[in-house]
Amino acid sequence: MTTVQHSDRATVGDTVRRVVVAESRLSIDPATIAESEPLVGELLRVNSLGFVGMLVRIEDELGVTLPDDLFVGRNFQTVGDLIDVVVSGAENAR
């Protein structure tokens, strides 16, 4: 498990990309996923149930607990949107 000490965006980004690729059942290098890549599009296929599972995996892998209210009123369109909220949540969890 990697613990995010200072909300290292690169670490969070790597983890989010790896989890998104796994959730979409793709056999590609997660590093090839751009932050602008839509979570639901031609490449990635993340549904609402999968999104919840991804959050649990991301928390486990990064060693953080993201508060539920962090997600209220937010719209997640891209991989970058998800990275932003995880970084923000990890910073607040310190």
PDB file of N, CA and C in Angstrom:
ATOM      1  N   MET A   1       0.850  -1.182   0.000  1.00  0.00           N
ATOM      2  CA  MET A   1       0.000   0.000   0.000  1.00  0.00           C
ATOM      3  C   MET A   1       0.888   1.235   0.000  1.00  0.00           C
ATOM      4  N   THR A   2       0.544   2.202  -0.808  1.00  0.00           N
ATOM      5  CA  THR A   2       1.228   3.478  -0.852  1.00  0.00           C
ATOM      6  C   THR A   2       0.428   4.460  -0.017  1.00  0.00           C
ATOM      7  N   THR A   3       1.082   5.136   0.918  1.00  0.00           N
ATOM      8  CA  THR A   3       0.386   6.140   1.705  1.00  0.00           C
ATOM      9  C   THR A   3       0.722   7.507   1.153  1.00  0.00           C
ATOM     10  N   VAL A   4      -0.285   8.276   0.826  1.00  0.00           N
ATOM     11  CA  VAL A   4      -0.081   9.613   0.283  1.00  0.00           C
ATOM     12  C   VAL A   4       0.204  10.540   1.445  1.00  0.00           C
ATOM     13  N   GLN A   5       1.434  10.983   1.555  1.00  0.00           N
ATOM     14  CA  GLN A   5       1.828  11.842   2.660  1.00  0.00           C
ATOM     15  C   GLN A   5       1.492  13.299   2.371  1.00  0.00           C
ATOM     16  N   HIS A   6       1.806  13.760   1.213  1.00  0.00           N
ATOM     17  CA  HIS A   6       1.598  15.159   0.871  1.00  0.00           C
ATOM     18  C   HIS A   6       0.749  15.298  -0.382  1.00  0.00           C
ATOM     19  N   SER A   7      -0.172  14.367  -0.556  1.00  0.00           N
ATOM     20  CA  SER A   7      -1.081  14.415  -1.699  1.00  0.00           C
ATOM     21  C   SER A   7      -0.324  14.557  -3.015  1.00  0.00           C
ATOM     22  N   ASP A   8       0.671  13.741  -3.172  1.00  0.00           N
ATOM     23  CA  ASP A   8       1.495  13.753  -4.370  1.00  0.00           C
ATOM     24  C   ASP A   8       0.620  13.464  -5.590  1.00  0.00           C
ATOM     25  N   ARG A   9       0.407  14.481  -6.415  1.00  0.00           N
ATOM     26  CA  ARG A   9      -0.484  14.349  -7.569  1.00  0.00           C
ATOM     27  C   ARG A   9      -0.032  13.246  -8.517  1.00  0.00           C
ATOM     28  N   ALA A  10       1.265  13.069  -8.678  1.00  0.00           N
ATOM     29  CA  ALA A  10       1.762  12.024  -9.578  1.00  0.00           C
ATOM     30  C   ALA A  10       1.384  10.638  -9.050  1.00  0.00           C
ATOM     31  N   THR A  11       1.532  10.421  -7.748  1.00  0.00           N
ATOM     32  CA  THR A  11       1.174   9.141  -7.141  1.00  0.00           C
ATOM     33  C   THR A  11      -0.322   8.899  -7.263  1.00  0.00           C
ATOM     34  N   VAL A  12      -1.114   9.921  -6.961  1.00  0.00           N
ATOM     35  CA  VAL A  12      -2.572   9.802  -7.070  1.00  0.00           C
ATOM     36  C   VAL A  12      -2.955   9.532  -8.522  1.00  0.00           C
ATOM     37  N   GLY A  13      -2.363  10.264  -9.436  1.00  0.00           N
ATOM     38  CA  GLY A  13      -2.666  10.085 -10.858  1.00  0.00           C
ATOM     39  C   GLY A  13      -2.353   8.684 -11.342  1.00  0.00           C
ATOM     40  N   ASP A  14      -1.205   8.147 -10.937  1.00  0.00           N
ATOM     41  CA  ASP A  14      -0.832   6.785 -11.329  1.00  0.00           C
ATOM     42  C   ASP A  14      -1.843   5.770 -10.790  1.00  0.00           C
ATOM     43  N   THR A  15      -2.223   5.954  -9.534  1.00  0.00           N
ATOM     44  CA  THR A  15      -3.170   5.026  -8.914  1.00  0.00           C
ATOM     45  C   THR A  15      -4.538   5.113  -9.575  1.00  0.00           C
ATOM     46  N   VAL A  16      -5.022   6.333  -9.785  1.00  0.00           N
ATOM     47  CA  VAL A  16      -6.334   6.514 -10.419  1.00  0.00           C
ATOM     48  C   VAL A  16      -6.333   5.903 -11.814  1.00  0.00           C
ATOM     49  N   ARG A  17      -5.300   6.159 -12.582  1.00  0.00           N
ATOM     50  CA  ARG A  17      -5.234   5.595 -13.944  1.00  0.00           C
ATOM     51  C   ARG A  17      -5.246   4.067 -13.919  1.00  0.00           C
ATOM     52  N   ARG A  18      -4.467   3.489 -13.018  1.00  0.00           N
ATOM     53  CA  ARG A  18      -4.399   2.024 -12.924  1.00  0.00           C
ATOM     54  C   ARG A  18      -5.766   1.441 -12.554  1.00  0.00           C
ATOM     55  N   VAL A  19      -6.452   2.067 -11.598  1.00  0.00           N
ATOM     56  CA  VAL A  19      -7.760   1.573 -11.161  1.00  0.00           C
ATOM     57  C   VAL A  19      -8.808   1.763 -12.256  1.00  0.00           C
ATOM     58  N   VAL A  20      -8.775   2.888 -12.949  1.00  0.00           N
ATOM     59  CA  VAL A  20      -9.739   3.149 -14.033  1.00  0.00           C
ATOM     60  C   VAL A  20      -9.551   2.148 -15.175  1.00  0.00           C
ATOM     61  N   VAL A  21      -8.315   1.859 -15.510  1.00  0.00           N
ATOM     62  CA  VAL A  21      -8.033   0.885 -16.573  1.00  0.00           C
ATOM     63  C   VAL A  21      -8.540  -0.497 -16.153  1.00  0.00           C
ATOM     64  N   ALA A  22      -8.304  -0.876 -14.896  1.00  0.00           N
ATOM     65  CA  ALA A  22      -8.773  -2.175 -14.406  1.00  0.00           C
ATOM     66  C   ALA A  22     -10.302  -2.231 -14.417  1.00  0.00           C
ATOM     67  N   GLU A  23     -10.958  -1.165 -13.963  1.00  0.00           N
ATOM     68  CA  GLU A  23     -12.422  -1.126 -13.931  1.00  0.00           C
ATOM     69  C   GLU A  23     -13.003  -1.236 -15.332  1.00  0.00           C
ATOM     70  N   SER A  24     -12.324  -0.664 -16.304  1.00  0.00           N
ATOM     71  CA  SER A  24     -12.791  -0.698 -17.692  1.00  0.00           C
ATOM     72  C   SER A  24     -12.382  -1.990 -18.400  1.00  0.00           C
ATOM     73  N   ARG A  25     -11.686  -2.851 -17.664  1.00  0.00           N
ATOM     74  CA  ARG A  25     -11.248  -4.153 -18.181  1.00  0.00           C
ATOM     75  C   ARG A  25     -10.425  -4.013 -19.469  1.00  0.00           C
ATOM     76  N   LEU A  26      -9.472  -3.093 -19.406  1.00  0.00           N
ATOM     77  CA  LEU A  26      -8.606  -2.855 -20.554  1.00  0.00           C
ATOM     78  C   LEU A  26      -7.232  -3.458 -20.323  1.00  0.00           C
ATOM     79  N   SER A  27      -6.574  -3.819 -21.388  1.00  0.00           N
ATOM     80  CA  SER A  27      -5.205  -4.328 -21.317  1.00  0.00           C
ATOM     81  C   SER A  27      -4.287  -3.308 -21.974  1.00  0.00           C
ATOM     82  N   ILE A  28      -4.233  -2.127 -21.355  1.00  0.00           N
ATOM     83  CA  ILE A  28      -3.366  -1.071 -21.878  1.00  0.00           C
ATOM     84  C   ILE A  28      -2.535  -0.508 -20.732  1.00  0.00           C
ATOM     85  N   ASP A  29      -1.491   0.192 -21.074  1.00  0.00           N
ATOM     86  CA  ASP A  29      -0.638   0.828 -20.086  1.00  0.00           C
ATOM     87  C   ASP A  29      -1.402   2.013 -19.488  1.00  0.00           C
ATOM     88  N   PRO A  30      -1.644   2.012 -18.171  1.00  0.00           N
ATOM     89  CA  PRO A  30      -2.373   3.120 -17.553  1.00  0.00           C
ATOM     90  C   PRO A  30      -1.727   4.490 -17.804  1.00  0.00           C
ATOM     91  N   ALA A  31      -0.422   4.512 -18.011  1.00  0.00           N
ATOM     92  CA  ALA A  31       0.279   5.777 -18.251  1.00  0.00           C
ATOM     93  C   ALA A  31      -0.165   6.435 -19.554  1.00  0.00           C
ATOM     94  N   THR A  32      -0.811   5.675 -20.433  1.00  0.00           N
ATOM     95  CA  THR A  32      -1.260   6.237 -21.708  1.00  0.00           C
ATOM     96  C   THR A  32      -2.592   6.968 -21.583  1.00  0.00           C
ATOM     97  N   ILE A  33      -3.221   6.898 -20.412  1.00  0.00           N
ATOM     98  CA  ILE A  33      -4.515   7.553 -20.202  1.00  0.00           C
ATOM     99  C   ILE A  33      -4.293   9.019 -19.838  1.00  0.00           C
ATOM    100  N   ALA A  34      -4.826   9.925 -20.635  1.00  0.00           N
ATOM    101  CA  ALA A  34      -4.699  11.359 -20.382  1.00  0.00           C
ATOM    102  C   ALA A  34      -5.707  11.797 -19.323  1.00  0.00           C
ATOM    103  N   GLU A  35      -5.387  12.867 -18.612  1.00  0.00           N
ATOM    104  CA  GLU A  35      -6.329  13.412 -17.629  1.00  0.00           C
ATOM    105  C   GLU A  35      -7.620  13.864 -18.299  1.00  0.00           C
ATOM    106  N   SER A  36      -7.553  14.214 -19.552  1.00  0.00           N
ATOM    107  CA  SER A  36      -8.740  14.685 -20.274  1.00  0.00           C
ATOM    108  C   SER A  36      -9.618  13.537 -20.789  1.00  0.00           C
ATOM    109  N   GLU A  37      -9.177  12.298 -20.571  1.00  0.00           N
ATOM    110  CA  GLU A  37      -9.938  11.140 -21.057  1.00  0.00           C
ATOM    111  C   GLU A  37     -11.270  11.036 -20.309  1.00  0.00           C
ATOM    112  N   PRO A  38     -12.396  10.970 -21.043  1.00  0.00           N
ATOM    113  CA  PRO A  38     -13.699  10.822 -20.389  1.00  0.00           C
ATOM    114  C   PRO A  38     -13.794   9.491 -19.641  1.00  0.00           C
ATOM    115  N   LEU A  39     -14.425   9.517 -18.471  1.00  0.00           N
ATOM    116  CA  LEU A  39     -14.637   8.290 -17.704  1.00  0.00           C
ATOM    117  C   LEU A  39     -15.624   7.364 -18.402  1.00  0.00           C
ATOM    118  N   VAL A  40     -16.518   7.948 -19.180  1.00  0.00           N
ATOM    119  CA  VAL A  40     -17.457   7.173 -19.984  1.00  0.00           C
ATOM    120  C   VAL A  40     -17.325   7.674 -21.419  1.00  0.00           C
ATOM    121  N   GLY A  41     -16.710   6.871 -22.242  1.00  0.00           N
ATOM    122  CA  GLY A  41     -16.483   7.283 -23.625  1.00  0.00           C
ATOM    123  C   GLY A  41     -16.110   6.085 -24.472  1.00  0.00           C
ATOM    124  N   GLU A  42     -15.371   6.350 -25.523  1.00  0.00           N
ATOM    125  CA  GLU A  42     -14.975   5.280 -26.427  1.00  0.00           C
ATOM    126  C   GLU A  42     -13.970   4.328 -25.792  1.00  0.00           C
ATOM    127  N   LEU A  43     -13.120   4.843 -24.904  1.00  0.00           N
ATOM    128  CA  LEU A  43     -12.079   4.009 -24.296  1.00  0.00           C
ATOM    129  C   LEU A  43     -12.501   3.486 -22.924  1.00  0.00           C
ATOM    130  N   LEU A  44     -12.804   4.386 -22.016  1.00  0.00           N
ATOM    131  CA  LEU A  44     -13.163   3.997 -20.651  1.00  0.00           C
ATOM    132  C   LEU A  44     -14.668   3.820 -20.521  1.00  0.00           C
ATOM    133  N   ARG A  45     -15.059   2.893 -19.680  1.00  0.00           N
ATOM    134  CA  ARG A  45     -16.481   2.599 -19.468  1.00  0.00           C
ATOM    135  C   ARG A  45     -16.743   2.419 -17.982  1.00  0.00           C
ATOM    136  N   VAL A  46     -16.785   3.514 -17.250  1.00  0.00           N
ATOM    137  CA  VAL A  46     -16.992   3.463 -15.809  1.00  0.00           C
ATOM    138  C   VAL A  46     -18.452   3.780 -15.511  1.00  0.00           C
ATOM    139  N   ASN A  47     -19.167   2.809 -14.909  1.00  0.00           N
ATOM    140  CA  ASN A  47     -20.557   3.065 -14.535  1.00  0.00           C
ATOM    141  C   ASN A  47     -20.606   3.468 -13.050  1.00  0.00           C
ATOM    142  N   SER A  48     -21.787   3.806 -12.552  1.00  0.00           N
ATOM    143  CA  SER A  48     -21.896   4.325 -11.195  1.00  0.00           C
ATOM    144  C   SER A  48     -21.488   3.296 -10.142  1.00  0.00           C
ATOM    145  N   LEU A  49     -21.849   2.045 -10.320  1.00  0.00           N
ATOM    146  CA  LEU A  49     -21.449   1.013  -9.371  1.00  0.00           C
ATOM    147  C   LEU A  49     -19.940   0.811  -9.421  1.00  0.00           C
ATOM    148  N   GLY A  50     -19.395   0.804 -10.605  1.00  0.00           N
ATOM    149  CA  GLY A  50     -17.948   0.680 -10.761  1.00  0.00           C
ATOM    150  C   GLY A  50     -17.214   1.849 -10.142  1.00  0.00           C
ATOM    151  N   PHE A  51     -17.815   3.026 -10.205  1.00  0.00           N
ATOM    152  CA  PHE A  51     -17.201   4.225  -9.640  1.00  0.00           C
ATOM    153  C   PHE A  51     -17.018   4.066  -8.132  1.00  0.00           C
ATOM    154  N   VAL A  52     -18.039   3.553  -7.459  1.00  0.00           N
ATOM    155  CA  VAL A  52     -17.959   3.346  -6.014  1.00  0.00           C
ATOM    156  C   VAL A  52     -16.846   2.340  -5.687  1.00  0.00           C
ATOM    157  N   GLY A  53     -16.796   1.259  -6.435  1.00  0.00           N
ATOM    158  CA  GLY A  53     -15.745   0.268  -6.232  1.00  0.00           C
ATOM    159  C   GLY A  53     -14.357   0.847  -6.468  1.00  0.00           C
ATOM    160  N   MET A  54     -14.241   1.705  -7.472  1.00  0.00           N
ATOM    161  CA  MET A  54     -12.958   2.351  -7.745  1.00  0.00           C
ATOM    162  C   MET A  54     -12.519   3.213  -6.576  1.00  0.00           C
ATOM    163  N   LEU A  55     -13.456   3.945  -5.982  1.00  0.00           N
ATOM    164  CA  LEU A  55     -13.110   4.807  -4.855  1.00  0.00           C
ATOM    165  C   LEU A  55     -12.571   3.997  -3.683  1.00  0.00           C
ATOM    166  N   VAL A  56     -13.185   2.859  -3.426  1.00  0.00           N
ATOM    167  CA  VAL A  56     -12.715   1.987  -2.348  1.00  0.00           C
ATOM    168  C   VAL A  56     -11.299   1.495  -2.643  1.00  0.00           C
ATOM    169  N   ARG A  57     -11.061   1.068  -3.874  1.00  0.00           N
ATOM    170  CA  ARG A  57      -9.719   0.603  -4.259  1.00  0.00           C
ATOM    171  C   ARG A  57      -8.689   1.715  -4.163  1.00  0.00           C
ATOM    172  N   ILE A  58      -9.063   2.909  -4.610  1.00  0.00           N
ATOM    173  CA  ILE A  58      -8.142   4.048  -4.559  1.00  0.00           C
ATOM    174  C   ILE A  58      -7.795   4.371  -3.111  1.00  0.00           C
ATOM    175  N   GLU A  59      -8.802   4.398  -2.240  1.00  0.00           N
ATOM    176  CA  GLU A  59      -8.545   4.649  -0.814  1.00  0.00           C
ATOM    177  C   GLU A  59      -7.585   3.599  -0.252  1.00  0.00           C
ATOM    178  N   ASP A  60      -7.849   2.325  -0.546  1.00  0.00           N
ATOM    179  CA  ASP A  60      -6.998   1.242  -0.046  1.00  0.00           C
ATOM    180  C   ASP A  60      -5.569   1.373  -0.544  1.00  0.00           C
ATOM    181  N   GLU A  61      -5.417   1.622  -1.835  1.00  0.00           N
ATOM    182  CA  GLU A  61      -4.077   1.689  -2.423  1.00  0.00           C
ATOM    183  C   GLU A  61      -3.284   2.903  -1.938  1.00  0.00           C
ATOM    184  N   LEU A  62      -3.983   4.005  -1.677  1.00  0.00           N
ATOM    185  CA  LEU A  62      -3.295   5.224  -1.255  1.00  0.00           C
ATOM    186  C   LEU A  62      -3.220   5.370   0.264  1.00  0.00           C
ATOM    187  N   GLY A  63      -3.960   4.522   0.981  1.00  0.00           N
ATOM    188  CA  GLY A  63      -3.936   4.606   2.435  1.00  0.00           C
ATOM    189  C   GLY A  63      -4.616   5.846   2.971  1.00  0.00           C
ATOM    190  N   VAL A  64      -5.692   6.285   2.297  1.00  0.00           N
ATOM    191  CA  VAL A  64      -6.443   7.463   2.739  1.00  0.00           C
ATOM    192  C   VAL A  64      -7.914   7.104   2.865  1.00  0.00           C
ATOM    193  N   THR A  65      -8.634   7.899   3.635  1.00  0.00           N
ATOM    194  CA  THR A  65     -10.085   7.782   3.719  1.00  0.00           C
ATOM    195  C   THR A  65     -10.655   9.084   3.188  1.00  0.00           C
ATOM    196  N   LEU A  66     -11.422   8.982   2.133  1.00  0.00           N
ATOM    197  CA  LEU A  66     -12.029  10.161   1.522  1.00  0.00           C
ATOM    198  C   LEU A  66     -13.422  10.354   2.117  1.00  0.00           C
ATOM    199  N   PRO A  67     -13.696  11.522   2.675  1.00  0.00           N
ATOM    200  CA  PRO A  67     -15.013  11.747   3.279  1.00  0.00           C
ATOM    201  C   PRO A  67     -16.118  11.739   2.224  1.00  0.00           C
ATOM    202  N   ASP A  68     -17.264  11.166   2.596  1.00  0.00           N
ATOM    203  CA  ASP A  68     -18.392  11.059   1.670  1.00  0.00           C
ATOM    204  C   ASP A  68     -18.831  12.413   1.130  1.00  0.00           C
ATOM    205  N   ASP A  69     -18.797  13.443   1.967  1.00  0.00           N
ATOM    206  CA  ASP A  69     -19.272  14.763   1.526  1.00  0.00           C
ATOM    207  C   ASP A  69     -18.364  15.398   0.481  1.00  0.00           C
ATOM    208  N   LEU A  70     -17.204  14.825   0.283  1.00  0.00           N
ATOM    209  CA  LEU A  70     -16.281  15.312  -0.743  1.00  0.00           C
ATOM    210  C   LEU A  70     -16.873  15.153  -2.146  1.00  0.00           C
ATOM    211  N   PHE A  71     -17.802  14.200  -2.293  1.00  0.00           N
ATOM    212  CA  PHE A  71     -18.344  13.867  -3.599  1.00  0.00           C
ATOM    213  C   PHE A  71     -19.698  14.513  -3.882  1.00  0.00           C
ATOM    214  N   VAL A  72     -20.273  15.136  -2.871  1.00  0.00           N
ATOM    215  CA  VAL A  72     -21.600  15.744  -3.009  1.00  0.00           C
ATOM    216  C   VAL A  72     -21.522  16.946  -3.960  1.00  0.00           C
ATOM    217  N   GLY A  73     -22.407  16.942  -4.944  1.00  0.00           N
ATOM    218  CA  GLY A  73     -22.498  18.062  -5.870  1.00  0.00           C
ATOM    219  C   GLY A  73     -21.390  18.132  -6.904  1.00  0.00           C
ATOM    220  N   ARG A  74     -20.551  17.117  -6.955  1.00  0.00           N
ATOM    221  CA  ARG A  74     -19.458  17.113  -7.938  1.00  0.00           C
ATOM    222  C   ARG A  74     -19.856  16.305  -9.155  1.00  0.00           C
ATOM    223  N   ASN A  75     -19.301  16.712 -10.274  1.00  0.00           N
ATOM    224  CA  ASN A  75     -19.557  16.035 -11.532  1.00  0.00           C
ATOM    225  C   ASN A  75     -18.224  15.480 -12.035  1.00  0.00           C
ATOM    226  N   PHE A  76     -18.174  14.193 -12.248  1.00  0.00           N
ATOM    227  CA  PHE A  76     -16.945  13.545 -12.690  1.00  0.00           C
ATOM    228  C   PHE A  76     -17.081  13.159 -14.150  1.00  0.00           C
ATOM    229  N   GLN A  77     -16.438  13.919 -15.008  1.00  0.00           N
ATOM    230  CA  GLN A  77     -16.479  13.642 -16.442  1.00  0.00           C
ATOM    231  C   GLN A  77     -15.196  12.985 -16.949  1.00  0.00           C
ATOM    232  N   THR A  78     -14.067  13.386 -16.362  1.00  0.00           N
ATOM    233  CA  THR A  78     -12.768  12.939 -16.878  1.00  0.00           C
ATOM    234  C   THR A  78     -11.917  12.308 -15.776  1.00  0.00           C
ATOM    235  N   VAL A  79     -10.860  11.652 -16.204  1.00  0.00           N
ATOM    236  CA  VAL A  79      -9.890  11.079 -15.273  1.00  0.00           C
ATOM    237  C   VAL A  79      -9.311  12.200 -14.403  1.00  0.00           C
ATOM    238  N   GLY A  80      -9.058  13.341 -14.977  1.00  0.00           N
ATOM    239  CA  GLY A  80      -8.519  14.478 -14.228  1.00  0.00           C
ATOM    240  C   GLY A  80      -9.460  14.950 -13.127  1.00  0.00           C
ATOM    241  N   ASP A  81     -10.776  14.905 -13.383  1.00  0.00           N
ATOM    242  CA  ASP A  81     -11.752  15.279 -12.347  1.00  0.00           C
ATOM    243  C   ASP A  81     -11.601  14.368 -11.131  1.00  0.00           C
ATOM    244  N   LEU A  82     -11.432  13.095 -11.379  1.00  0.00           N
ATOM    245  CA  LEU A  82     -11.280  12.133 -10.293  1.00  0.00           C
ATOM    246  C   LEU A  82      -9.954  12.341  -9.556  1.00  0.00           C
ATOM    247  N   ILE A  83      -8.889  12.575 -10.304  1.00  0.00           N
ATOM    248  CA  ILE A  83      -7.586  12.842  -9.689  1.00  0.00           C
ATOM    249  C   ILE A  83      -7.689  14.078  -8.791  1.00  0.00           C
ATOM    250  N   ASP A  84      -8.315  15.136  -9.283  1.00  0.00           N
ATOM    251  CA  ASP A  84      -8.451  16.377  -8.509  1.00  0.00           C
ATOM    252  C   ASP A  84      -9.133  16.143  -7.176  1.00  0.00           C
ATOM    253  N   VAL A  85     -10.239  15.396  -7.169  1.00  0.00           N
ATOM    254  CA  VAL A  85     -10.990  15.200  -5.932  1.00  0.00           C
ATOM    255  C   VAL A  85     -10.215  14.296  -4.966  1.00  0.00           C
ATOM    256  N   VAL A  86      -9.498  13.303  -5.481  1.00  0.00           N
ATOM    257  CA  VAL A  86      -8.708  12.438  -4.602  1.00  0.00           C
ATOM    258  C   VAL A  86      -7.560  13.227  -3.975  1.00  0.00           C
ATOM    259  N   VAL A  87      -6.896  14.053  -4.760  1.00  0.00           N
ATOM    260  CA  VAL A  87      -5.825  14.900  -4.215  1.00  0.00           C
ATOM    261  C   VAL A  87      -6.379  15.817  -3.134  1.00  0.00           C
ATOM    262  N   SER A  88      -7.510  16.442  -3.425  1.00  0.00           N
ATOM    263  CA  SER A  88      -8.150  17.340  -2.469  1.00  0.00           C
ATOM    264  C   SER A  88      -8.538  16.600  -1.188  1.00  0.00           C
ATOM    265  N   GLY A  89      -9.136  15.437  -1.333  1.00  0.00           N
ATOM    266  CA  GLY A  89      -9.541  14.647  -0.181  1.00  0.00           C
ATOM    267  C   GLY A  89      -8.363  14.166   0.641  1.00  0.00           C
ATOM    268  N   ALA A  90      -7.286  13.777  -0.033  1.00  0.00           N
ATOM    269  CA  ALA A  90      -6.095  13.320   0.677  1.00  0.00           C
ATOM    270  C   ALA A  90      -5.457  14.465   1.461  1.00  0.00           C
ATOM    271  N   GLU A  91      -5.460  15.664   0.890  1.00  0.00           N
ATOM    272  CA  GLU A  91      -4.926  16.836   1.586  1.00  0.00           C
ATOM    273  C   GLU A  91      -5.737  17.124   2.845  1.00  0.00           C
ATOM    274  N   ASN A  92      -7.055  17.036   2.746  1.00  0.00           N
ATOM    275  CA  ASN A  92      -7.920  17.314   3.883  1.00  0.00           C
ATOM    276  C   ASN A  92      -7.868  16.231   4.937  1.00  0.00           C
ATOM    277  N   ALA A  93      -7.453  15.027   4.549  1.00  0.00           N
ATOM    278  CA  ALA A  93      -7.392  13.900   5.481  1.00  0.00           C
ATOM    279  C   ALA A  93      -6.134  13.928   6.344  1.00  0.00           C
ATOM    280  N   ARG A  94      -5.198  14.792   5.989  1.00  0.00           N
ATOM    281  CA  ARG A  94      -3.944  14.857   6.763  1.00  0.00           C
ATOM    282  C   ARG A  94      -4.184  15.336   8.144  1.00  0.00           C
TER     283      ARG A  94
END
